Amino acid sequence: MNWNAIKDFYYRVFEIEGKYVDLMASYDILLLSASGVCNETIAYVLEVSLEVVREEVKKYFNFTGYSNNLSINPITILREIDVDSLETFCKHLPKESDYATVEIECMYRVAKLFEGIRNDLEANWT
């Protein structure tokens, strides 16, 4: 059975579009990446190839992925504080964090993209 047959099955039986089946298949990779886990750790934990991790992170986040695990979890900051802007996100980073502005912007952007994906899946995965 190939991937298109699986997506066709989900559409026929559950009326779930193929793009949501693709997203669900990539969900754990995307969650871990948006949470600040580096590609190598994701590949190891999920027992998938590093290339698969890189492809999925690039495809959905237009991002190469973190080279090292972050000391913070951007998703947690976004959710717990109900962050609505990059400025608010920055204010809630731990004071001892020494991330460059470009890294912080990337963390925020990727976390926001993931939250959009999560919300889209919740609304359409029935």
PDB file of N, CA and C in Angstrom:
ATOM      1  N   MET A   1       0.860  -1.176   0.000  1.00  0.00           N
ATOM      2  CA  MET A   1       0.000   0.000   0.000  1.00  0.00           C
ATOM      3  C   MET A   1       0.906   1.239   0.000  1.00  0.00           C
ATOM      4  N   ASN A   2       0.592   2.197  -0.849  1.00  0.00           N
ATOM      5  CA  ASN A   2       1.396   3.422  -0.886  1.00  0.00           C
ATOM      6  C   ASN A   2       0.701   4.555  -0.127  1.00  0.00           C
ATOM      7  N   TRP A   3       1.439   5.643   0.049  1.00  0.00           N
ATOM      8  CA  TRP A   3       0.948   6.763   0.850  1.00  0.00           C
ATOM      9  C   TRP A   3      -0.330   7.372   0.262  1.00  0.00           C
ATOM     10  N   ASN A   4      -0.414   7.488  -1.056  1.00  0.00           N
ATOM     11  CA  ASN A   4      -1.617   8.050  -1.673  1.00  0.00           C
ATOM     12  C   ASN A   4      -2.843   7.184  -1.412  1.00  0.00           C
ATOM     13  N   ALA A   5      -2.650   5.877  -1.362  1.00  0.00           N
ATOM     14  CA  ALA A   5      -3.765   4.980  -1.054  1.00  0.00           C
ATOM     15  C   ALA A   5      -4.252   5.200   0.380  1.00  0.00           C
ATOM     16  N   ILE A   6      -3.322   5.433   1.282  1.00  0.00           N
ATOM     17  CA  ILE A   6      -3.691   5.711   2.677  1.00  0.00           C
ATOM     18  C   ILE A   6      -4.472   7.019   2.763  1.00  0.00           C
ATOM     19  N   LYS A   7      -3.999   8.040   2.072  1.00  0.00           N
ATOM     20  CA  LYS A   7      -4.711   9.327   2.095  1.00  0.00           C
ATOM     21  C   LYS A   7      -6.093   9.196   1.448  1.00  0.00           C
ATOM     22  N   ASP A   8      -6.176   8.432   0.374  1.00  0.00           N
ATOM     23  CA  ASP A   8      -7.485   8.191  -0.261  1.00  0.00           C
ATOM     24  C   ASP A   8      -8.434   7.484   0.699  1.00  0.00           C
ATOM     25  N   PHE A   9      -7.921   6.518   1.439  1.00  0.00           N
ATOM     26  CA  PHE A   9      -8.724   5.807   2.425  1.00  0.00           C
ATOM     27  C   PHE A   9      -9.289   6.781   3.463  1.00  0.00           C
ATOM     28  N   TYR A  10      -8.427   7.632   4.009  1.00  0.00           N
ATOM     29  CA  TYR A  10      -8.883   8.594   5.016  1.00  0.00           C
ATOM     30  C   TYR A  10      -9.946   9.539   4.447  1.00  0.00           C
ATOM     31  N   TYR A  11      -9.804   9.872   3.192  1.00  0.00           N
ATOM     32  CA  TYR A  11     -10.796  10.760   2.587  1.00  0.00           C
ATOM     33  C   TYR A  11     -12.126  10.019   2.391  1.00  0.00           C
ATOM     34  N   ARG A  12     -12.060   8.811   1.855  1.00  0.00           N
ATOM     35  CA  ARG A  12     -13.281   8.042   1.601  1.00  0.00           C
ATOM     36  C   ARG A  12     -14.022   7.701   2.891  1.00  0.00           C
ATOM     37  N   VAL A  13     -13.294   7.260   3.898  1.00  0.00           N
ATOM     38  CA  VAL A  13     -13.930   6.767   5.117  1.00  0.00           C
ATOM     39  C   VAL A  13     -14.255   7.892   6.101  1.00  0.00           C
ATOM     40  N   PHE A  14     -13.334   8.859   6.251  1.00  0.00           N
ATOM     41  CA  PHE A  14     -13.500   9.881   7.283  1.00  0.00           C
ATOM     42  C   PHE A  14     -13.695  11.292   6.730  1.00  0.00           C
ATOM     43  N   GLU A  15     -13.601  11.428   5.398  1.00  0.00           N
ATOM     44  CA  GLU A  15     -13.684  12.727   4.726  1.00  0.00           C
ATOM     45  C   GLU A  15     -12.616  13.705   5.225  1.00  0.00           C
ATOM     46  N   ILE A  16     -11.429  13.164   5.467  1.00  0.00           N
ATOM     47  CA  ILE A  16     -10.294  13.983   5.889  1.00  0.00           C
ATOM     48  C   ILE A  16      -9.389  14.167   4.678  1.00  0.00           C
ATOM     49  N   GLU A  17      -9.116  15.418   4.353  1.00  0.00           N
ATOM     50  CA  GLU A  17      -8.283  15.731   3.190  1.00  0.00           C
ATOM     51  C   GLU A  17      -6.858  15.216   3.387  1.00  0.00           C
ATOM     52  N   GLY A  18      -6.219  14.898   2.275  1.00  0.00           N
ATOM     53  CA  GLY A  18      -4.869  14.362   2.280  1.00  0.00           C
ATOM     54  C   GLY A  18      -3.849  15.241   2.976  1.00  0.00           C
ATOM     55  N   LYS A  19      -4.009  16.561   2.865  1.00  0.00           N
ATOM     56  CA  LYS A  19      -3.029  17.448   3.505  1.00  0.00           C
ATOM     57  C   LYS A  19      -3.040  17.290   5.026  1.00  0.00           C
ATOM     58  N   TYR A  20      -4.192  16.944   5.591  1.00  0.00           N
ATOM     59  CA  TYR A  20      -4.266  16.739   7.038  1.00  0.00           C
ATOM     60  C   TYR A  20      -3.671  15.389   7.439  1.00  0.00           C
ATOM     61  N   VAL A  21      -3.776  14.409   6.569  1.00  0.00           N
ATOM     62  CA  VAL A  21      -3.131  13.118   6.825  1.00  0.00           C
ATOM     63  C   VAL A  21      -1.613  13.323   6.810  1.00  0.00           C
ATOM     64  N   ASP A  22      -1.121  14.117   5.846  1.00  0.00           N
ATOM     65  CA  ASP A  22       0.307  14.447   5.797  1.00  0.00           C
ATOM     66  C   ASP A  22       0.749  15.161   7.068  1.00  0.00           C
ATOM     67  N   LEU A  23      -0.034  16.145   7.501  1.00  0.00           N
ATOM     68  CA  LEU A  23       0.306  16.889   8.714  1.00  0.00           C
ATOM     69  C   LEU A  23       0.333  15.988   9.942  1.00  0.00           C
ATOM     70  N   MET A  24      -0.655  15.114  10.049  1.00  0.00           N
ATOM     71  CA  MET A  24      -0.705  14.219  11.211  1.00  0.00           C
ATOM     72  C   MET A  24       0.496  13.281  11.216  1.00  0.00           C
ATOM     73  N   ALA A  25       0.913  12.842  10.042  1.00  0.00           N
ATOM     74  CA  ALA A  25       2.074  11.953   9.949  1.00  0.00           C
ATOM     75  C   ALA A  25       3.357  12.665  10.377  1.00  0.00           C
ATOM     76  N   SER A  26       3.397  13.979  10.184  1.00  0.00           N
ATOM     77  CA  SER A  26       4.585  14.773  10.522  1.00  0.00           C
ATOM     78  C   SER A  26       4.473  15.456  11.877  1.00  0.00           C
ATOM     79  N   TYR A  27       3.359  15.315  12.548  1.00  0.00           N
ATOM     80  CA  TYR A  27       3.048  16.095  13.739  1.00  0.00           C
ATOM     81  C   TYR A  27       4.125  16.018  14.825  1.00  0.00           C
ATOM     82  N   ASP A  28       4.579  14.823  15.159  1.00  0.00           N
ATOM     83  CA  ASP A  28       5.562  14.684  16.245  1.00  0.00           C
ATOM     84  C   ASP A  28       6.879  15.376  15.901  1.00  0.00           C
ATOM     85  N   ILE A  29       7.303  15.257  14.654  1.00  0.00           N
ATOM     86  CA  ILE A  29       8.521  15.946  14.208  1.00  0.00           C
ATOM     87  C   ILE A  29       8.345  17.447  14.366  1.00  0.00           C
ATOM     88  N   LEU A  30       7.212  17.961  13.919  1.00  0.00           N
ATOM     89  CA  LEU A  30       6.958  19.403  13.969  1.00  0.00           C
ATOM     90  C   LEU A  30       6.832  19.905  15.401  1.00  0.00           C
ATOM     91  N   LEU A  31       6.149  19.159  16.234  1.00  0.00           N
ATOM     92  CA  LEU A  31       6.008  19.534  17.646  1.00  0.00           C
ATOM     93  C   LEU A  31       7.374  19.615  18.327  1.00  0.00           C
ATOM     94  N   LEU A  32       8.187  18.606  18.133  1.00  0.00           N
ATOM     95  CA  LEU A  32       9.502  18.600  18.772  1.00  0.00           C
ATOM     96  C   LEU A  32      10.380  19.725  18.250  1.00  0.00           C
ATOM     97  N   SER A  33      10.348  19.963  16.952  1.00  0.00           N
ATOM     98  CA  SER A  33      11.155  21.049  16.391  1.00  0.00           C
ATOM     99  C   SER A  33      10.697  22.401  16.934  1.00  0.00           C
ATOM    100  N   ALA A  34       9.403  22.634  16.919  1.00  0.00           N
ATOM    101  CA  ALA A  34       8.876  23.904  17.419  1.00  0.00           C
ATOM    102  C   ALA A  34       9.115  24.064  18.917  1.00  0.00           C
ATOM    103  N   SER A  35       9.316  22.945  19.621  1.00  0.00           N
ATOM    104  CA  SER A  35       9.594  22.986  21.056  1.00  0.00           C
ATOM    105  C   SER A  35      11.068  23.201  21.364  1.00  0.00           C
ATOM    106  N   GLY A  36      11.890  23.307  20.317  1.00  0.00           N
ATOM    107  CA  GLY A  36      13.302  23.606  20.519  1.00  0.00           C
ATOM    108  C   GLY A  36      14.231  22.414  20.527  1.00  0.00           C
ATOM    109  N   VAL A  37      13.764  21.288  20.032  1.00  0.00           N
ATOM    110  CA  VAL A  37      14.592  20.087  19.978  1.00  0.00           C
ATOM    111  C   VAL A  37      15.339  20.068  18.645  1.00  0.00           C
ATOM    112  N   CYS A  38      16.613  19.743  18.690  1.00  0.00           N
ATOM    113  CA  CYS A  38      17.415  19.745  17.461  1.00  0.00           C
ATOM    114  C   CYS A  38      17.077  18.534  16.588  1.00  0.00           C
ATOM    115  N   ASN A  39      17.391  18.653  15.304  1.00  0.00           N
ATOM    116  CA  ASN A  39      17.064  17.609  14.329  1.00  0.00           C
ATOM    117  C   ASN A  39      17.624  16.242  14.712  1.00  0.00           C
ATOM    118  N   GLU A  40      18.876  16.205  15.176  1.00  0.00           N
ATOM    119  CA  GLU A  40      19.498  14.927  15.512  1.00  0.00           C
ATOM    120  C   GLU A  40      18.770  14.227  16.655  1.00  0.00           C
ATOM    121  N   THR A  41      18.364  14.987  17.644  1.00  0.00           N
ATOM    122  CA  THR A  41      17.630  14.407  18.769  1.00  0.00           C
ATOM    123  C   THR A  41      16.261  13.915  18.315  1.00  0.00           C
ATOM    124  N   ILE A  42      15.595  14.697  17.472  1.00  0.00           N
ATOM    125  CA  ILE A  42      14.287  14.282  16.952  1.00  0.00           C
ATOM    126  C   ILE A  42      14.424  12.952  16.211  1.00  0.00           C
ATOM    127  N   ALA A  43      15.414  12.862  15.335  1.00  0.00           N
ATOM    128  CA  ALA A  43      15.624  11.633  14.565  1.00  0.00           C
ATOM    129  C   ALA A  43      15.866  10.445  15.493  1.00  0.00           C
ATOM    130  N   TYR A  44      16.670  10.659  16.508  1.00  0.00           N
ATOM    131  CA  TYR A  44      16.992   9.589  17.454  1.00  0.00           C
ATOM    132  C   TYR A  44      15.748   9.158  18.247  1.00  0.00           C
ATOM    133  N   VAL A  45      15.043  10.112  18.811  1.00  0.00           N
ATOM    134  CA  VAL A  45      13.881   9.812  19.662  1.00  0.00           C
ATOM    135  C   VAL A  45      12.757   9.143  18.869  1.00  0.00           C
ATOM    136  N   LEU A  46      12.501   9.648  17.668  1.00  0.00           N
ATOM    137  CA  LEU A  46      11.394   9.108  16.865  1.00  0.00           C
ATOM    138  C   LEU A  46      11.814   7.935  15.975  1.00  0.00           C
ATOM    139  N   GLU A  47      13.111   7.631  15.994  1.00  0.00           N
ATOM    140  CA  GLU A  47      13.649   6.533  15.189  1.00  0.00           C
ATOM    141  C   GLU A  47      13.318   6.699  13.708  1.00  0.00           C
ATOM    142  N   VAL A  48      13.585   7.910  13.209  1.00  0.00           N
ATOM    143  CA  VAL A  48      13.453   8.214  11.781  1.00  0.00           C
ATOM    144  C   VAL A  48      14.789   8.776  11.306  1.00  0.00           C
ATOM    145  N   SER A  49      14.952   8.834  10.013  1.00  0.00           N
ATOM    146  CA  SER A  49      16.226   9.335   9.497  1.00  0.00           C
ATOM    147  C   SER A  49      16.324  10.841   9.694  1.00  0.00           C
ATOM    148  N   LEU A  50      17.540  11.291   9.810  1.00  0.00           N
ATOM    149  CA  LEU A  50      17.809  12.725   9.926  1.00  0.00           C
ATOM    150  C   LEU A  50      17.291  13.452   8.688  1.00  0.00           C
ATOM    151  N   GLU A  51      17.392  12.828   7.553  1.00  0.00           N
ATOM    152  CA  GLU A  51      16.917  13.438   6.303  1.00  0.00           C
ATOM    153  C   GLU A  51      15.406  13.675   6.340  1.00  0.00           C
ATOM    154  N   VAL A  52      14.651  12.726   6.874  1.00  0.00           N
ATOM    155  CA  VAL A  52      13.189  12.890   6.996  1.00  0.00           C
ATOM    156  C   VAL A  52      12.881  14.076   7.893  1.00  0.00           C
ATOM    157  N   VAL A  53      13.576  14.180   9.010  1.00  0.00           N
ATOM    158  CA  VAL A  53      13.359  15.306   9.931  1.00  0.00           C
ATOM    159  C   VAL A  53      13.641  16.618   9.211  1.00  0.00           C
ATOM    160  N   ARG A  54      14.785  16.699   8.551  1.00  0.00           N
ATOM    161  CA  ARG A  54      15.146  17.931   7.837  1.00  0.00           C
ATOM    162  C   ARG A  54      14.105  18.302   6.787  1.00  0.00           C
ATOM    163  N   GLU A  55      13.649  17.316   6.019  1.00  0.00           N
ATOM    164  CA  GLU A  55      12.660  17.567   4.964  1.00  0.00           C
ATOM    165  C   GLU A  55      11.351  18.114   5.535  1.00  0.00           C
ATOM    166  N   GLU A  56      10.867  17.503   6.596  1.00  0.00           N
ATOM    167  CA  GLU A  56       9.586  17.927   7.173  1.00  0.00           C
ATOM    168  C   GLU A  56       9.683  19.313   7.813  1.00  0.00           C
ATOM    169  N   VAL A  57      10.757  19.560   8.528  1.00  0.00           N
ATOM    170  CA  VAL A  57      10.950  20.864   9.165  1.00  0.00           C
ATOM    171  C   VAL A  57      11.061  21.946   8.096  1.00  0.00           C
ATOM    172  N   LYS A  58      11.787  21.661   7.045  1.00  0.00           N
ATOM    173  CA  LYS A  58      11.936  22.621   5.946  1.00  0.00           C
ATOM    174  C   LYS A  58      10.592  22.851   5.244  1.00  0.00           C
ATOM    175  N   LYS A  59       9.877  21.767   4.992  1.00  0.00           N
ATOM    176  CA  LYS A  59       8.598  21.838   4.271  1.00  0.00           C
ATOM    177  C   LYS A  59       7.563  22.692   5.008  1.00  0.00           C
ATOM    178  N   TYR A  60       7.419  22.477   6.298  1.00  0.00           N
ATOM    179  CA  TYR A  60       6.359  23.160   7.042  1.00  0.00           C
ATOM    180  C   TYR A  60       6.785  24.459   7.712  1.00  0.00           C
ATOM    181  N   PHE A  61       8.065  24.579   8.050  1.00  0.00           N
ATOM    182  CA  PHE A  61       8.530  25.771   8.765  1.00  0.00           C
ATOM    183  C   PHE A  61       9.473  26.647   7.944  1.00  0.00           C
ATOM    184  N   ASN A  62       9.884  26.157   6.764  1.00  0.00           N
ATOM    185  CA  ASN A  62      10.889  26.868   5.961  1.00  0.00           C
ATOM    186  C   ASN A  62      12.087  27.222   6.842  1.00  0.00           C
ATOM    187  N   PHE A  63      12.595  26.211   7.494  1.00  0.00           N
ATOM    188  CA  PHE A  63      13.594  26.344   8.544  1.00  0.00           C
ATOM    189  C   PHE A  63      14.476  25.105   8.503  1.00  0.00           C
ATOM    190  N   THR A  64      15.755  25.254   8.744  1.00  0.00           N
ATOM    191  CA  THR A  64      16.656  24.101   8.695  1.00  0.00           C
ATOM    192  C   THR A  64      16.623  23.277   9.976  1.00  0.00           C
ATOM    193  N   GLY A  65      16.040  23.798  11.021  1.00  0.00           N
ATOM    194  CA  GLY A  65      15.996  23.101  12.301  1.00  0.00           C
ATOM    195  C   GLY A  65      17.116  23.585  13.199  1.00  0.00           C
ATOM    196  N   TYR A  66      16.992  23.306  14.471  1.00  0.00           N
ATOM    197  CA  TYR A  66      18.005  23.719  15.433  1.00  0.00           C
ATOM    198  C   TYR A  66      19.195  22.770  15.383  1.00  0.00           C
ATOM    199  N   SER A  67      20.387  23.320  15.510  1.00  0.00           N
ATOM    200  CA  SER A  67      21.585  22.482  15.502  1.00  0.00           C
ATOM    201  C   SER A  67      21.870  21.919  16.900  1.00  0.00           C
ATOM    202  N   ASN A  68      21.339  22.578  17.923  1.00  0.00           N
ATOM    203  CA  ASN A  68      21.460  22.114  19.311  1.00  0.00           C
ATOM    204  C   ASN A  68      20.100  22.258  19.984  1.00  0.00           C
ATOM    205  N   ASN A  69      19.853  21.428  20.981  1.00  0.00           N
ATOM    206  CA  ASN A  69      18.612  21.558  21.737  1.00  0.00           C
ATOM    207  C   ASN A  69      18.610  22.896  22.468  1.00  0.00           C
ATOM    208  N   LEU A  70      17.481  23.588  22.432  1.00  0.00           N
ATOM    209  CA  LEU A  70      17.361  24.861  23.140  1.00  0.00           C
ATOM    210  C   LEU A  70      17.206  24.612  24.635  1.00  0.00           C
ATOM    211  N   SER A  71      17.557  25.595  25.415  1.00  0.00           N
ATOM    212  CA  SER A  71      17.387  25.493  26.867  1.00  0.00           C
ATOM    213  C   SER A  71      15.990  25.930  27.298  1.00  0.00           C
ATOM    214  N   ILE A  72      15.210  26.393  26.350  1.00  0.00           N
ATOM    215  CA  ILE A  72      13.828  26.803  26.614  1.00  0.00           C
ATOM    216  C   ILE A  72      12.914  26.099  25.620  1.00  0.00           C
ATOM    217  N   ASN A  73      11.618  26.119  25.903  1.00  0.00           N
ATOM    218  CA  ASN A  73      10.628  25.553  24.994  1.00  0.00           C
ATOM    219  C   ASN A  73       9.743  26.696  24.493  1.00  0.00           C
ATOM    220  N   PRO A  74       9.948  27.138  23.247  1.00  0.00           N
ATOM    221  CA  PRO A  74       9.159  28.250  22.720  1.00  0.00           C
ATOM    222  C   PRO A  74       7.652  28.003  22.726  1.00  0.00           C
ATOM    223  N   ILE A  75       7.231  26.760  22.512  1.00  0.00           N
ATOM    224  CA  ILE A  75       5.798  26.438  22.529  1.00  0.00           C
ATOM    225  C   ILE A  75       5.211  26.680  23.916  1.00  0.00           C
ATOM    226  N   THR A  76       5.927  26.278  24.952  1.00  0.00           N
ATOM    227  CA  THR A  76       5.457  26.487  26.317  1.00  0.00           C
ATOM    228  C   THR A  76       5.293  27.973  26.605  1.00  0.00           C
ATOM    229  N   ILE A  77       6.265  28.763  26.222  1.00  0.00           N
ATOM    230  CA  ILE A  77       6.175  30.214  26.435  1.00  0.00           C
ATOM    231  C   ILE A  77       4.964  30.763  25.695  1.00  0.00           C
ATOM    232  N   LEU A  78       4.799  30.366  24.461  1.00  0.00           N
ATOM    233  CA  LEU A  78       3.686  30.856  23.637  1.00  0.00           C
ATOM    234  C   LEU A  78       2.336  30.497  24.259  1.00  0.00           C
ATOM    235  N   ARG A  79       2.195  29.273  24.731  1.00  0.00           N
ATOM    236  CA  ARG A  79       0.914  28.803  25.264  1.00  0.00           C
ATOM    237  C   ARG A  79       0.624  29.318  26.674  1.00  0.00           C
ATOM    238  N   GLU A  80       1.598  29.246  27.548  1.00  0.00           N
ATOM    239  CA  GLU A  80       1.346  29.588  28.939  1.00  0.00           C
ATOM    240  C   GLU A  80       1.131  31.075  29.160  1.00  0.00           C
ATOM    241  N   ILE A  81       1.741  31.885  28.337  1.00  0.00           N
ATOM    242  CA  ILE A  81       1.648  33.327  28.549  1.00  0.00           C
ATOM    243  C   ILE A  81       0.684  33.969  27.556  1.00  0.00           C
ATOM    244  N   ASP A  82       0.178  33.153  26.612  1.00  0.00           N
ATOM    245  CA  ASP A  82      -0.728  33.654  25.586  1.00  0.00           C
ATOM    246  C   ASP A  82      -0.075  34.817  24.829  1.00  0.00           C
ATOM    247  N   VAL A  83       1.085  34.534  24.287  1.00  0.00           N
ATOM    248  CA  VAL A  83       1.891  35.531  23.590  1.00  0.00           C
ATOM    249  C   VAL A  83       1.231  35.928  22.284  1.00  0.00           C
ATOM    250  N   ASP A  84       1.150  37.233  22.061  1.00  0.00           N
ATOM    251  CA  ASP A  84       0.520  37.737  20.839  1.00  0.00           C
ATOM    252  C   ASP A  84       1.475  38.509  19.940  1.00  0.00           C
ATOM    253  N   SER A  85       2.731  38.656  20.370  1.00  0.00           N
ATOM    254  CA  SER A  85       3.692  39.394  19.550  1.00  0.00           C
ATOM    255  C   SER A  85       5.116  38.957  19.898  1.00  0.00           C
ATOM    256  N   LEU A  86       6.018  39.250  18.988  1.00  0.00           N
ATOM    257  CA  LEU A  86       7.427  38.952  19.233  1.00  0.00           C
ATOM    258  C   LEU A  86       7.925  39.709  20.451  1.00  0.00           C
ATOM    259  N   GLU A  87       7.481  40.931  20.616  1.00  0.00           N
ATOM    260  CA  GLU A  87       7.902  41.744  21.763  1.00  0.00           C
ATOM    261  C   GLU A  87       7.498  41.083  23.077  1.00  0.00           C
ATOM    262  N   THR A  88       6.263  40.594  23.151  1.00  0.00           N
ATOM    263  CA  THR A  88       5.790  39.911  24.360  1.00  0.00           C
ATOM    264  C   THR A  88       6.571  38.617  24.584  1.00  0.00           C
ATOM    265  N   PHE A  89       6.829  37.894  23.510  1.00  0.00           N
ATOM    266  CA  PHE A  89       7.613  36.660  23.594  1.00  0.00           C
ATOM    267  C   PHE A  89       8.980  36.949  24.208  1.00  0.00           C
ATOM    268  N   CYS A  90       9.646  37.988  23.718  1.00  0.00           N
ATOM    269  CA  CYS A  90      10.980  38.361  24.214  1.00  0.00           C
ATOM    270  C   CYS A  90      10.951  38.702  25.701  1.00  0.00           C
ATOM    271  N   LYS A  91       9.905  39.382  26.138  1.00  0.00           N
ATOM    272  CA  LYS A  91       9.791  39.781  27.542  1.00  0.00           C
ATOM    273  C   LYS A  91       9.684  38.584  28.476  1.00  0.00           C
ATOM    274  N   HIS A  92       9.220  37.449  27.955  1.00  0.00           N
ATOM    275  CA  HIS A  92       9.003  36.280  28.798  1.00  0.00           C
ATOM    276  C   HIS A  92      10.091  35.225  28.662  1.00  0.00           C
ATOM    277  N   LEU A  93      11.146  35.545  27.939  1.00  0.00           N
ATOM    278  CA  LEU A  93      12.288  34.636  27.897  1.00  0.00           C
ATOM    279  C   LEU A  93      13.029  34.727  29.225  1.00  0.00           C
ATOM    280  N   PRO A  94      13.606  33.631  29.668  1.00  0.00           N
ATOM    281  CA  PRO A  94      14.390  33.703  30.910  1.00  0.00           C
ATOM    282  C   PRO A  94      15.489  34.758  30.790  1.00  0.00           C
ATOM    283  N   LYS A  95      15.703  35.490  31.849  1.00  0.00           N
ATOM    284  CA  LYS A  95      16.698  36.574  31.828  1.00  0.00           C
ATOM    285  C   LYS A  95      18.100  36.088  31.489  1.00  0.00           C
ATOM    286  N   GLU A  96      18.413  34.860  31.866  1.00  0.00           N
ATOM    287  CA  GLU A  96      19.758  34.345  31.602  1.00  0.00           C
ATOM    288  C   GLU A  96      19.939  33.841  30.169  1.00  0.00           C
ATOM    289  N   SER A  97      18.860  33.804  29.374  1.00  0.00           N
ATOM    290  CA  SER A  97      19.017  33.333  27.997  1.00  0.00           C
ATOM    291  C   SER A  97      19.798  34.364  27.186  1.00  0.00           C
ATOM    292  N   ASP A  98      20.690  33.864  26.377  1.00  0.00           N
ATOM    293  CA  ASP A  98      21.549  34.763  25.602  1.00  0.00           C
ATOM    294  C   ASP A  98      21.419  34.497  24.108  1.00  0.00           C
ATOM    295  N   TYR A  99      20.189  34.262  23.673  1.00  0.00           N
ATOM    296  CA  TYR A  99      19.950  34.011  22.261  1.00  0.00           C
ATOM    297  C   TYR A  99      20.029  35.320  21.480  1.00  0.00           C
ATOM    298  N   ALA A 100      20.568  35.223  20.267  1.00  0.00           N
ATOM    299  CA  ALA A 100      20.640  36.380  19.387  1.00  0.00           C
ATOM    300  C   ALA A 100      19.233  36.724  18.907  1.00  0.00           C
ATOM    301  N   THR A 101      19.042  37.962  18.518  1.00  0.00           N
ATOM    302  CA  THR A 101      17.731  38.432  18.053  1.00  0.00           C
ATOM    303  C   THR A 101      17.201  37.568  16.920  1.00  0.00           C
ATOM    304  N   VAL A 102      18.054  37.206  15.985  1.00  0.00           N
ATOM    305  CA  VAL A 102      17.605  36.388  14.862  1.00  0.00           C
ATOM    306  C   VAL A 102      17.136  35.010  15.326  1.00  0.00           C
ATOM    307  N   GLU A 103      17.761  34.443  16.342  1.00  0.00           N
ATOM    308  CA  GLU A 103      17.334  33.161  16.894  1.00  0.00           C
ATOM    309  C   GLU A 103      15.983  33.290  17.585  1.00  0.00           C
ATOM    310  N   ILE A 104      15.798  34.362  18.315  1.00  0.00           N
ATOM    311  CA  ILE A 104      14.533  34.597  19.011  1.00  0.00           C
ATOM    312  C   ILE A 104      13.399  34.780  18.010  1.00  0.00           C
ATOM    313  N   GLU A 105      13.658  35.535  16.965  1.00  0.00           N
ATOM    314  CA  GLU A 105      12.644  35.729  15.927  1.00  0.00           C
ATOM    315  C   GLU A 105      12.265  34.401  15.283  1.00  0.00           C
ATOM    316  N   CYS A 106      13.262  33.555  15.054  1.00  0.00           N
ATOM    317  CA  CYS A 106      13.022  32.237  14.461  1.00  0.00           C
ATOM    318  C   CYS A 106      12.207  31.372  15.420  1.00  0.00           C
ATOM    319  N   MET A 107      12.570  31.343  16.690  1.00  0.00           N
ATOM    320  CA  MET A 107      11.826  30.570  17.689  1.00  0.00           C
ATOM    321  C   MET A 107      10.350  30.975  17.692  1.00  0.00           C
ATOM    322  N   TYR A 108      10.128  32.265  17.712  1.00  0.00           N
ATOM    323  CA  TYR A 108       8.765  32.789  17.756  1.00  0.00           C
ATOM    324  C   TYR A 108       8.001  32.411  16.486  1.00  0.00           C
ATOM    325  N   ARG A 109       8.631  32.607  15.324  1.00  0.00           N
ATOM    326  CA  ARG A 109       7.979  32.330  14.040  1.00  0.00           C
ATOM    327  C   ARG A 109       7.617  30.854  13.929  1.00  0.00           C
ATOM    328  N   VAL A 110       8.548  29.977  14.259  1.00  0.00           N
ATOM    329  CA  VAL A 110       8.310  28.539  14.162  1.00  0.00           C
ATOM    330  C   VAL A 110       7.228  28.108  15.160  1.00  0.00           C
ATOM    331  N   ALA A 111       7.265  28.624  16.366  1.00  0.00           N
ATOM    332  CA  ALA A 111       6.250  28.290  17.366  1.00  0.00           C
ATOM    333  C   ALA A 111       4.858  28.743  16.902  1.00  0.00           C
ATOM    334  N   LYS A 112       4.782  29.932  16.329  1.00  0.00           N
ATOM    335  CA  LYS A 112       3.494  30.437  15.819  1.00  0.00           C
ATOM    336  C   LYS A 112       3.003  29.582  14.644  1.00  0.00           C
ATOM    337  N   LEU A 113       3.909  29.201  13.750  1.00  0.00           N
ATOM    338  CA  LEU A 113       3.524  28.333  12.633  1.00  0.00           C
ATOM    339  C   LEU A 113       2.992  27.000  13.150  1.00  0.00           C
ATOM    340  N   PHE A 114       3.675  26.442  14.145  1.00  0.00           N
ATOM    341  CA  PHE A 114       3.211  25.178  14.698  1.00  0.00           C
ATOM    342  C   PHE A 114       1.830  25.326  15.323  1.00  0.00           C
ATOM    343  N   GLU A 115       1.621  26.385  16.057  1.00  0.00           N
ATOM    344  CA  GLU A 115       0.307  26.594  16.679  1.00  0.00           C
ATOM    345  C   GLU A 115      -0.788  26.699  15.611  1.00  0.00           C
ATOM    346  N   GLY A 116      -0.485  27.325  14.490  1.00  0.00           N
ATOM    347  CA  GLY A 116      -1.435  27.384  13.379  1.00  0.00           C
ATOM    348  C   GLY A 116      -1.731  25.998  12.833  1.00  0.00           C
ATOM    349  N   ILE A 117      -0.695  25.176  12.683  1.00  0.00           N
ATOM    350  CA  ILE A 117      -0.862  23.794  12.213  1.00  0.00           C
ATOM    351  C   ILE A 117      -1.709  23.011  13.209  1.00  0.00           C
ATOM    352  N   ARG A 118      -1.398  23.150  14.486  1.00  0.00           N
ATOM    353  CA  ARG A 118      -2.148  22.438  15.525  1.00  0.00           C
ATOM    354  C   ARG A 118      -3.626  22.825  15.503  1.00  0.00           C
ATOM    355  N   ASN A 119      -3.887  24.118  15.403  1.00  0.00           N
ATOM    356  CA  ASN A 119      -5.273  24.589  15.361  1.00  0.00           C
ATOM    357  C   ASN A 119      -6.000  24.094  14.111  1.00  0.00           C
ATOM    358  N   ASP A 120      -5.292  24.099  12.995  1.00  0.00           N
ATOM    359  CA  ASP A 120      -5.869  23.603  11.731  1.00  0.00           C
ATOM    360  C   ASP A 120      -6.216  22.119  11.845  1.00  0.00           C
ATOM    361  N   LEU A 121      -5.322  21.347  12.427  1.00  0.00           N
ATOM    362  CA  LEU A 121      -5.597  19.918  12.611  1.00  0.00           C
ATOM    363  C   LEU A 121      -6.774  19.689  13.566  1.00  0.00           C
ATOM    364  N   GLU A 122      -6.806  20.434  14.653  1.00  0.00           N
ATOM    365  CA  GLU A 122      -7.917  20.280  15.600  1.00  0.00           C
ATOM    366  C   GLU A 122      -9.250  20.573  14.936  1.00  0.00           C
ATOM    367  N   ALA A 123      -9.273  21.539  14.050  1.00  0.00           N
ATOM    368  CA  ALA A 123     -10.521  21.920  13.388  1.00  0.00           C
ATOM    369  C   ALA A 123     -10.925  20.942  12.281  1.00  0.00           C
ATOM    370  N   ASN A 124      -9.959  20.246  11.697  1.00  0.00           N
ATOM    371  CA  ASN A 124     -10.259  19.447  10.517  1.00  0.00           C
ATOM    372  C   ASN A 124     -10.020  17.947  10.654  1.00  0.00           C
ATOM    373  N   TRP A 125      -9.472  17.496  11.759  1.00  0.00           N
ATOM    374  CA  TRP A 125      -9.246  16.078  11.960  1.00  0.00           C
ATOM    375  C   TRP A 125     -10.385  15.552  12.819  1.00  0.00           C
ATOM    376  N   THR A 126     -11.370  14.998  12.190  1.00  0.00           N
ATOM    377  CA  THR A 126     -12.564  14.570  12.914  1.00  0.00           C
ATOM    378  C   THR A 126     -12.666  13.079  13.012  1.00  0.00           C
TER     379      THR A 126
END
